[in-house]
PDB file of N, CA and C in Angstrom:
ATOM      1  N   MET A   1      28.108  10.108 -22.490  1.00  0.00           N
ATOM      2  CA  MET A   1      26.702  10.083 -21.789  1.00  0.00           C
ATOM      3  C   MET A   1      25.814   9.942 -23.086  1.00  0.00           C
ATOM      4  N   PRO A   2      24.790   9.083 -22.809  1.00  0.00           N
ATOM      5  CA  PRO A   2      23.806   8.759 -23.942  1.00  0.00           C
ATOM      6  C   PRO A   2      22.952  10.028 -24.188  1.00  0.00           C
ATOM      7  N   GLU A   3      22.574  10.196 -25.371  1.00  0.00           N
ATOM      8  CA  GLU A   3      21.657  11.330 -25.819  1.00  0.00           C
ATOM      9  C   GLU A   3      20.367  11.256 -25.232  1.00  0.00           C
ATOM     10  N   LEU A   4      19.682  12.200 -24.639  1.00  0.00           N
ATOM     11  CA  LEU A   4      18.513  12.187 -24.125  1.00  0.00           C
ATOM     12  C   LEU A   4      17.368  12.683 -25.119  1.00  0.00           C
ATOM     13  N   LEU A   5      16.309  12.140 -24.859  1.00  0.00           N
ATOM     14  CA  LEU A   5      15.134  12.619 -25.859  1.00  0.00           C
ATOM     15  C   LEU A   5      14.788  14.009 -25.498  1.00  0.00           C
ATOM     16  N   SER A   6      14.330  14.646 -26.601  1.00  0.00           N
ATOM     17  CA  SER A   6      13.774  16.098 -26.420  1.00  0.00           C
ATOM     18  C   SER A   6      12.853  16.139 -25.234  1.00  0.00           C
ATOM     19  N   GLY A   7      13.100  17.146 -24.383  1.00  0.00           N
ATOM     20  CA  GLY A   7      12.193  17.473 -23.208  1.00  0.00           C
ATOM     21  C   GLY A   7      12.671  16.761 -21.989  1.00  0.00           C
ATOM     22  N   ILE A   8      13.721  15.930 -22.064  1.00  0.00           N
ATOM     23  CA  ILE A   8      14.144  15.199 -20.785  1.00  0.00           C
ATOM     24  C   ILE A   8      15.436  15.982 -20.382  1.00  0.00           C
ATOM     25  N   ARG A   9      15.548  16.222 -19.108  1.00  0.00           N
ATOM     26  CA  ARG A   9      16.590  16.923 -18.591  1.00  0.00           C
ATOM     27  C   ARG A   9      17.304  16.115 -17.495  1.00  0.00           C
ATOM     28  N   HIS A  10      18.494  15.763 -17.679  1.00  0.00           N
ATOM     29  CA  HIS A  10      19.377  14.940 -16.702  1.00  0.00           C
ATOM     30  C   HIS A  10      20.227  16.074 -15.687  1.00  0.00           C
ATOM     31  N   LEU A  11      19.930  15.934 -14.446  1.00  0.00           N
ATOM     32  CA  LEU A  11      20.457  16.870 -13.563  1.00  0.00           C
ATOM     33  C   LEU A  11      21.294  16.143 -12.518  1.00  0.00           C
ATOM     34  N   PRO A  12      22.582  15.706 -12.860  1.00  0.00           N
ATOM     35  CA  PRO A  12      23.318  14.804 -11.864  1.00  0.00           C
ATOM     36  C   PRO A  12      23.681  15.889 -10.730  1.00  0.00           C
ATOM     37  N   GLY A  13      23.719  15.173  -9.574  1.00  0.00           N
ATOM     38  CA  GLY A  13      23.879  16.036  -8.278  1.00  0.00           C
ATOM     39  C   GLY A  13      22.947  16.856  -7.945  1.00  0.00           C
ATOM     40  N   TYR A  14      21.739  17.037  -8.469  1.00  0.00           N
ATOM     41  CA  TYR A  14      20.620  17.962  -8.097  1.00  0.00           C
ATOM     42  C   TYR A  14      20.190  17.584  -6.673  1.00  0.00           C
ATOM     43  N   LEU A  15      20.069  16.318  -6.275  1.00  0.00           N
ATOM     44  CA  LEU A  15      19.838  15.964  -4.857  1.00  0.00           C
ATOM     45  C   LEU A  15      21.200  15.298  -4.289  1.00  0.00           C
ATOM     46  N   ASP A  16      21.718  16.079  -3.408  1.00  0.00           N
ATOM     47  CA  ASP A  16      22.930  15.376  -2.665  1.00  0.00           C
ATOM     48  C   ASP A  16      22.517  14.369  -1.830  1.00  0.00           C
ATOM     49  N   ARG A  17      23.364  13.710  -1.195  1.00  0.00           N
ATOM     50  CA  ARG A  17      23.068  12.453  -0.503  1.00  0.00           C
ATOM     51  C   ARG A  17      22.124  12.699   0.749  1.00  0.00           C
ATOM     52  N   ALA A  18      22.396  13.857   1.314  1.00  0.00           N
ATOM     53  CA  ALA A  18      21.453  14.191   2.412  1.00  0.00           C
ATOM     54  C   ALA A  18      20.009  14.517   2.099  1.00  0.00           C
ATOM     55  N   ARG A  19      19.911  15.216   0.890  1.00  0.00           N
ATOM     56  CA  ARG A  19      18.588  15.382   0.253  1.00  0.00           C
ATOM     57  C   ARG A  19      17.818  14.120  -0.186  1.00  0.00           C
ATOM     58  N   GLN A  20      18.613  13.220  -0.754  1.00  0.00           N
ATOM     59  CA  GLN A  20      18.032  11.890  -1.011  1.00  0.00           C
ATOM     60  C   GLN A  20      17.693  11.163   0.077  1.00  0.00           C
ATOM     61  N   GLU A  21      18.376  11.147   1.145  1.00  0.00           N
ATOM     62  CA  GLU A  21      18.043  10.396   2.463  1.00  0.00           C
ATOM     63  C   GLU A  21      16.733  11.081   2.991  1.00  0.00           C
ATOM     64  N   ALA A  22      16.662  12.375   2.980  1.00  0.00           N
ATOM     65  CA  ALA A  22      15.445  13.084   3.490  1.00  0.00           C
ATOM     66  C   ALA A  22      14.278  12.749   2.701  1.00  0.00           C
ATOM     67  N   LEU A  23      14.454  12.606   1.388  1.00  0.00           N
ATOM     68  CA  LEU A  23      13.317  12.275   0.450  1.00  0.00           C
ATOM     69  C   LEU A  23      12.724  10.744   0.839  1.00  0.00           C
ATOM     70  N   VAL A  24      13.722   9.909   0.866  1.00  0.00           N
ATOM     71  CA  VAL A  24      13.345   8.497   1.320  1.00  0.00           C
ATOM     72  C   VAL A  24      12.469   8.491   2.595  1.00  0.00           C
ATOM     73  N   GLU A  25      12.816   9.340   3.582  1.00  0.00           N
ATOM     74  CA  GLU A  25      12.110   9.207   4.830  1.00  0.00           C
ATOM     75  C   GLU A  25      10.798   9.826   4.631  1.00  0.00           C
ATOM     76  N   VAL A  26      10.531  10.787   3.796  1.00  0.00           N
ATOM     77  CA  VAL A  26       9.217  11.279   3.506  1.00  0.00           C
ATOM     78  C   VAL A  26       8.434  10.326   2.876  1.00  0.00           C
ATOM     79  N   ILE A  27       8.988   9.571   1.846  1.00  0.00           N
ATOM     80  CA  ILE A  27       8.432   8.484   1.189  1.00  0.00           C
ATOM     81  C   ILE A  27       7.850   7.438   2.230  1.00  0.00           C
ATOM     82  N   ARG A  28       8.877   6.982   3.139  1.00  0.00           N
ATOM     83  CA  ARG A  28       8.553   6.000   4.090  1.00  0.00           C
ATOM     84  C   ARG A  28       7.405   6.442   5.030  1.00  0.00           C
ATOM     85  N   THR A  29       7.393   7.711   5.350  1.00  0.00           N
ATOM     86  CA  THR A  29       6.151   8.174   6.065  1.00  0.00           C
ATOM     87  C   THR A  29       4.806   8.064   5.295  1.00  0.00           C
ATOM     88  N   ILE A  30       4.883   8.316   4.142  1.00  0.00           N
ATOM     89  CA  ILE A  30       3.676   8.206   3.383  1.00  0.00           C
ATOM     90  C   ILE A  30       3.196   6.737   3.194  1.00  0.00           C
ATOM     91  N   VAL A  31       4.258   5.862   2.879  1.00  0.00           N
ATOM     92  CA  VAL A  31       3.902   4.374   2.820  1.00  0.00           C
ATOM     93  C   VAL A  31       3.383   3.851   4.123  1.00  0.00           C
ATOM     94  N   ALA A  32       3.776   4.246   5.247  1.00  0.00           N
ATOM     95  CA  ALA A  32       3.577   3.889   6.574  1.00  0.00           C
ATOM     96  C   ALA A  32       1.957   4.197   6.798  1.00  0.00           C
ATOM     97  N   GLU A  33       1.532   5.335   6.210  1.00  0.00           N
ATOM     98  CA  GLU A  33       0.185   5.718   6.315  1.00  0.00           C
ATOM     99  C   GLU A  33      -0.738   5.146   5.228  1.00  0.00           C
ATOM    100  N   ALA A  34      -0.270   5.048   4.176  1.00  0.00           N
ATOM    101  CA  ALA A  34      -0.949   4.492   2.949  1.00  0.00           C
ATOM    102  C   ALA A  34      -0.127   3.358   2.268  1.00  0.00           C
ATOM    103  N   PRO A  35      -0.322   2.152   2.807  1.00  0.00           N
ATOM    104  CA  PRO A  35       0.622   1.078   2.431  1.00  0.00           C
ATOM    105  C   PRO A  35       0.516   0.815   0.866  1.00  0.00           C
ATOM    106  N   LEU A  36       1.665   0.219   0.511  1.00  0.00           N
ATOM    107  CA  LEU A  36       1.806  -0.218  -0.923  1.00  0.00           C
ATOM    108  C   LEU A  36       0.753  -1.266  -1.192  1.00  0.00           C
ATOM    109  N   TYR A  37       0.092  -1.244  -2.406  1.00  0.00           N
ATOM    110  CA  TYR A  37      -0.850  -2.184  -2.756  1.00  0.00           C
ATOM    111  C   TYR A  37      -0.666  -2.457  -4.303  1.00  0.00           C
ATOM    112  N   ALA A  38      -1.182  -3.623  -4.660  1.00  0.00           N
ATOM    113  CA  ALA A  38      -1.084  -4.041  -5.968  1.00  0.00           C
ATOM    114  C   ALA A  38      -2.327  -3.799  -6.827  1.00  0.00           C
ATOM    115  N   PRO A  39      -2.412  -2.736  -7.678  1.00  0.00           N
ATOM    116  CA  PRO A  39      -3.660  -2.607  -8.400  1.00  0.00           C
ATOM    117  C   PRO A  39      -3.923  -3.841  -9.367  1.00  0.00           C
ATOM    118  N   VAL A  40      -5.171  -3.897  -9.845  1.00  0.00           N
ATOM    119  CA  VAL A  40      -5.527  -4.931 -10.837  1.00  0.00           C
ATOM    120  C   VAL A  40      -6.159  -4.411 -12.088  1.00  0.00           C
ATOM    121  N   MET A  41      -5.978  -5.160 -13.203  1.00  0.00           N
ATOM    122  CA  MET A  41      -6.592  -4.689 -14.447  1.00  0.00           C
ATOM    123  C   MET A  41      -8.038  -4.777 -14.382  1.00  0.00           C
ATOM    124  N   PRO A  42      -8.729  -3.676 -15.011  1.00  0.00           N
ATOM    125  CA  PRO A  42     -10.148  -3.737 -15.192  1.00  0.00           C
ATOM    126  C   PRO A  42     -10.501  -4.891 -15.858  1.00  0.00           C
ATOM    127  N   GLY A  43     -11.634  -5.498 -15.595  1.00  0.00           N
ATOM    128  CA  GLY A  43     -12.378  -6.546 -16.453  1.00  0.00           C
ATOM    129  C   GLY A  43     -11.661  -7.938 -16.092  1.00  0.00           C
ATOM    130  N   THR A  44     -10.441  -7.961 -16.240  1.00  0.00           N
ATOM    131  CA  THR A  44      -9.719  -9.287 -15.926  1.00  0.00           C
ATOM    132  C   THR A  44      -9.354  -9.648 -14.408  1.00  0.00           C
ATOM    133  N   GLY A  45      -9.139  -8.534 -13.810  1.00  0.00           N
ATOM    134  CA  GLY A  45      -8.598  -8.663 -12.370  1.00  0.00           C
ATOM    135  C   GLY A  45      -7.141  -9.123 -12.191  1.00  0.00           C
ATOM    136  N   LYS A  46      -6.568  -9.254 -13.296  1.00  0.00           N
ATOM    137  CA  LYS A  46      -5.067  -9.603 -13.392  1.00  0.00           C
ATOM    138  C   LYS A  46      -4.285  -8.529 -12.575  1.00  0.00           C
ATOM    139  N   PRO A  47      -3.496  -9.000 -11.546  1.00  0.00           N
ATOM    140  CA  PRO A  47      -2.717  -7.913 -10.856  1.00  0.00           C
ATOM    141  C   PRO A  47      -1.610  -7.366 -11.893  1.00  0.00           C
ATOM    142  N   MET A  48      -1.491  -6.025 -11.572  1.00  0.00           N
ATOM    143  CA  MET A  48      -0.432  -5.290 -12.306  1.00  0.00           C
ATOM    144  C   MET A  48       1.024  -5.746 -11.779  1.00  0.00           C
ATOM    145  N   SER A  49       2.084  -5.411 -12.382  1.00  0.00           N
ATOM    146  CA  SER A  49       3.317  -5.888 -12.024  1.00  0.00           C
ATOM    147  C   SER A  49       3.993  -4.816 -11.049  1.00  0.00           C
ATOM    148  N   VAL A  50       3.305  -3.873 -10.621  1.00  0.00           N
ATOM    149  CA  VAL A  50       3.776  -2.880  -9.587  1.00  0.00           C
ATOM    150  C   VAL A  50       3.009  -2.853  -8.441  1.00  0.00           C
ATOM    151  N   ARG A  51       3.648  -2.284  -7.356  1.00  0.00           N
ATOM    152  CA  ARG A  51       2.808  -1.929  -6.138  1.00  0.00           C
ATOM    153  C   ARG A  51       3.042  -0.514  -5.958  1.00  0.00           C
ATOM    154  N   MET A  52       1.974   0.173  -5.537  1.00  0.00           N
ATOM    155  CA  MET A  52       1.940   1.627  -5.443  1.00  0.00           C
ATOM    156  C   MET A  52       1.064   2.231  -4.307  1.00  0.00           C
ATOM    157  N   THR A  53       1.289   3.491  -4.042  1.00  0.00           N
ATOM    158  CA  THR A  53       0.525   4.268  -3.139  1.00  0.00           C
ATOM    159  C   THR A  53       0.268   5.579  -3.765  1.00  0.00           C
ATOM    160  N   ASN A  54      -0.348   6.453  -3.019  1.00  0.00           N
ATOM    161  CA  ASN A  54      -0.556   7.849  -3.373  1.00  0.00           C
ATOM    162  C   ASN A  54      -0.579   8.723  -2.232  1.00  0.00           C
ATOM    163  N   CYS A  55      -0.557  10.013  -2.546  1.00  0.00           N
ATOM    164  CA  CYS A  55      -0.708  11.028  -1.486  1.00  0.00           C
ATOM    165  C   CYS A  55      -1.311  12.351  -2.209  1.00  0.00           C
ATOM    166  N   GLY A  56      -2.045  13.127  -1.281  1.00  0.00           N
ATOM    167  CA  GLY A  56      -2.856  14.203  -2.011  1.00  0.00           C
ATOM    168  C   GLY A  56      -4.255  13.905  -1.878  1.00  0.00           C
ATOM    169  N   PRO A  57      -5.055  14.838  -2.477  1.00  0.00           N
ATOM    170  CA  PRO A  57      -6.523  14.696  -2.203  1.00  0.00           C
ATOM    171  C   PRO A  57      -7.086  13.532  -3.032  1.00  0.00           C
ATOM    172  N   LEU A  58      -6.432  13.238  -4.252  1.00  0.00           N
ATOM    173  CA  LEU A  58      -7.004  12.197  -5.070  1.00  0.00           C
ATOM    174  C   LEU A  58      -5.850  11.203  -5.331  1.00  0.00           C
ATOM    175  N   GLY A  59      -6.093   9.903  -5.418  1.00  0.00           N
ATOM    176  CA  GLY A  59      -5.100   8.950  -5.876  1.00  0.00           C
ATOM    177  C   GLY A  59      -5.489   8.185  -7.045  1.00  0.00           C
ATOM    178  N   TRP A  60      -4.683   7.795  -7.992  1.00  0.00           N
ATOM    179  CA  TRP A  60      -5.003   7.058  -9.063  1.00  0.00           C
ATOM    180  C   TRP A  60      -5.269   5.623  -8.717  1.00  0.00           C
ATOM    181  N   VAL A  61      -6.169   4.891  -8.973  1.00  0.00           N
ATOM    182  CA  VAL A  61      -6.503   3.325  -8.457  1.00  0.00           C
ATOM    183  C   VAL A  61      -7.141   2.765  -9.758  1.00  0.00           C
ATOM    184  N   THR A  62      -7.045   1.417  -9.685  1.00  0.00           N
ATOM    185  CA  THR A  62      -7.874   0.688 -10.541  1.00  0.00           C
ATOM    186  C   THR A  62      -8.196  -0.624  -9.991  1.00  0.00           C
ATOM    187  N   ASP A  63      -9.360  -1.223 -10.417  1.00  0.00           N
ATOM    188  CA  ASP A  63      -9.866  -2.497  -9.920  1.00  0.00           C
ATOM    189  C   ASP A  63     -10.691  -3.226 -10.981  1.00  0.00           C
ATOM    190  N   LYS A  64     -10.979  -4.408 -10.741  1.00  0.00           N
ATOM    191  CA  LYS A  64     -11.635  -5.221 -11.681  1.00  0.00           C
ATOM    192  C   LYS A  64     -13.087  -4.663 -12.082  1.00  0.00           C
ATOM    193  N   GLU A  65     -13.795  -4.291 -10.963  1.00  0.00           N
ATOM    194  CA  GLU A  65     -15.232  -3.895 -11.133  1.00  0.00           C
ATOM    195  C   GLU A  65     -15.401  -2.358 -11.621  1.00  0.00           C
ATOM    196  N   ARG A  66     -14.521  -1.536 -11.133  1.00  0.00           N
ATOM    197  CA  ARG A  66     -14.807  -0.071 -11.535  1.00  0.00           C
ATOM    198  C   ARG A  66     -13.787   0.503 -12.466  1.00  0.00           C
ATOM    199  N   GLY A  67     -12.651  -0.108 -12.746  1.00  0.00           N
ATOM    200  CA  GLY A  67     -11.763   0.355 -13.648  1.00  0.00           C
ATOM    201  C   GLY A  67     -10.849   1.511 -13.179  1.00  0.00           C
ATOM    202  N   TYR A  68     -10.182   2.118 -14.004  1.00  0.00           N
ATOM    203  CA  TYR A  68      -9.268   3.226 -13.838  1.00  0.00           C
ATOM    204  C   TYR A  68     -10.050   4.459 -13.334  1.00  0.00           C
ATOM    205  N   ARG A  69      -9.449   5.054 -12.314  1.00  0.00           N
ATOM    206  CA  ARG A  69     -10.145   6.387 -11.808  1.00  0.00           C
ATOM    207  C   ARG A  69      -9.154   7.018 -10.670  1.00  0.00           C
ATOM    208  N   TYR A  70      -9.600   8.133 -10.370  1.00  0.00           N
ATOM    209  CA  TYR A  70      -8.951   8.821  -9.318  1.00  0.00           C
ATOM    210  C   TYR A  70      -9.906   8.781  -8.056  1.00  0.00           C
ATOM    211  N   GLN A  71      -9.563   8.636  -6.884  1.00  0.00           N
ATOM    212  CA  GLN A  71     -10.475   8.553  -5.618  1.00  0.00           C
ATOM    213  C   GLN A  71      -9.818   9.041  -4.500  1.00  0.00           C
ATOM    214  N   PRO A  72     -10.500   9.545  -3.580  1.00  0.00           N
ATOM    215  CA  PRO A  72      -9.858  10.232  -2.221  1.00  0.00           C
ATOM    216  C   PRO A  72      -9.362   9.187  -1.232  1.00  0.00           C
ATOM    217  N   THR A  73      -9.716   7.857  -1.307  1.00  0.00           N
ATOM    218  CA  THR A  73      -9.428   6.919  -0.396  1.00  0.00           C
ATOM    219  C   THR A  73      -8.467   5.849  -1.014  1.00  0.00           C
ATOM    220  N   HIS A  74      -7.633   5.243  -0.015  1.00  0.00           N
ATOM    221  CA  HIS A  74      -7.045   4.126  -0.285  1.00  0.00           C
ATOM    222  C   HIS A  74      -7.748   2.913  -0.498  1.00  0.00           C
ATOM    223  N   PRO A  75      -7.651   2.085  -1.647  1.00  0.00           N
ATOM    224  CA  PRO A  75      -8.560   0.958  -1.950  1.00  0.00           C
ATOM    225  C   PRO A  75      -8.603  -0.109  -0.893  1.00  0.00           C
ATOM    226  N   ALA A  76      -7.417  -0.344  -0.201  1.00  0.00           N
ATOM    227  CA  ALA A  76      -7.408  -1.519   0.781  1.00  0.00           C
ATOM    228  C   ALA A  76      -7.770  -1.077   2.175  1.00  0.00           C
ATOM    229  N   THR A  77      -7.266   0.064   2.655  1.00  0.00           N
ATOM    230  CA  THR A  77      -7.608   0.656   3.952  1.00  0.00           C
ATOM    231  C   THR A  77      -8.908   1.370   4.124  1.00  0.00           C
ATOM    232  N   GLY A  78      -9.310   2.115   3.024  1.00  0.00           N
ATOM    233  CA  GLY A  78     -10.431   2.914   2.803  1.00  0.00           C
ATOM    234  C   GLY A  78     -10.188   4.341   3.696  1.00  0.00           C
ATOM    235  N   ARG A  79      -9.131   4.484   4.075  1.00  0.00           N
ATOM    236  CA  ARG A  79      -8.595   5.719   4.615  1.00  0.00           C
ATOM    237  C   ARG A  79      -8.303   6.743   3.533  1.00  0.00           C
ATOM    238  N   ARG A  80      -8.368   8.065   3.873  1.00  0.00           N
ATOM    239  CA  ARG A  80      -7.999   9.057   2.959  1.00  0.00           C
ATOM    240  C   ARG A  80      -6.478   9.047   2.642  1.00  0.00           C
ATOM    241  N   TRP A  81      -6.042   9.406   1.526  1.00  0.00           N
ATOM    242  CA  TRP A  81      -4.657   9.466   1.211  1.00  0.00           C
ATOM    243  C   TRP A  81      -3.876  10.514   2.192  1.00  0.00           C
ATOM    244  N   PRO A  82      -2.768  10.214   2.536  1.00  0.00           N
ATOM    245  CA  PRO A  82      -1.943  11.272   3.309  1.00  0.00           C
ATOM    246  C   PRO A  82      -1.872  12.560   2.568  1.00  0.00           C
ATOM    247  N   ASP A  83      -1.714  13.669   3.251  1.00  0.00           N
ATOM    248  CA  ASP A  83      -1.543  14.987   2.477  1.00  0.00           C
ATOM    249  C   ASP A  83      -0.246  14.884   1.688  1.00  0.00           C
ATOM    250  N   MET A  84      -0.236  15.573   0.678  1.00  0.00           N
ATOM    251  CA  MET A  84       1.039  15.883  -0.122  1.00  0.00           C
ATOM    252  C   MET A  84       2.040  16.628   0.684  1.00  0.00           C
ATOM    253  N   PRO A  85       3.315  15.981   0.867  1.00  0.00           N
ATOM    254  CA  PRO A  85       4.377  16.760   1.522  1.00  0.00           C
ATOM    255  C   PRO A  85       4.731  18.135   1.029  1.00  0.00           C
TER     256      PRO A  85
END
């Protein structure tokens, strides 16, 4: 096994298959309510190489005009982020 950096813990088997499948379902529920979107770089508007979503009272977002920030609503739908499970 490769050596891990200080502060990193590898916990093989921590989530058995059933717990992994349950976690995937929770994530699917969040994504159904707050769809994945591609954030863009401040200033240039160049799309980032990820798609993301958030849950909880504030979500991390970024756009060309207002830059990096936390906000209570989804940038594409305008709806509040789903509650944290």
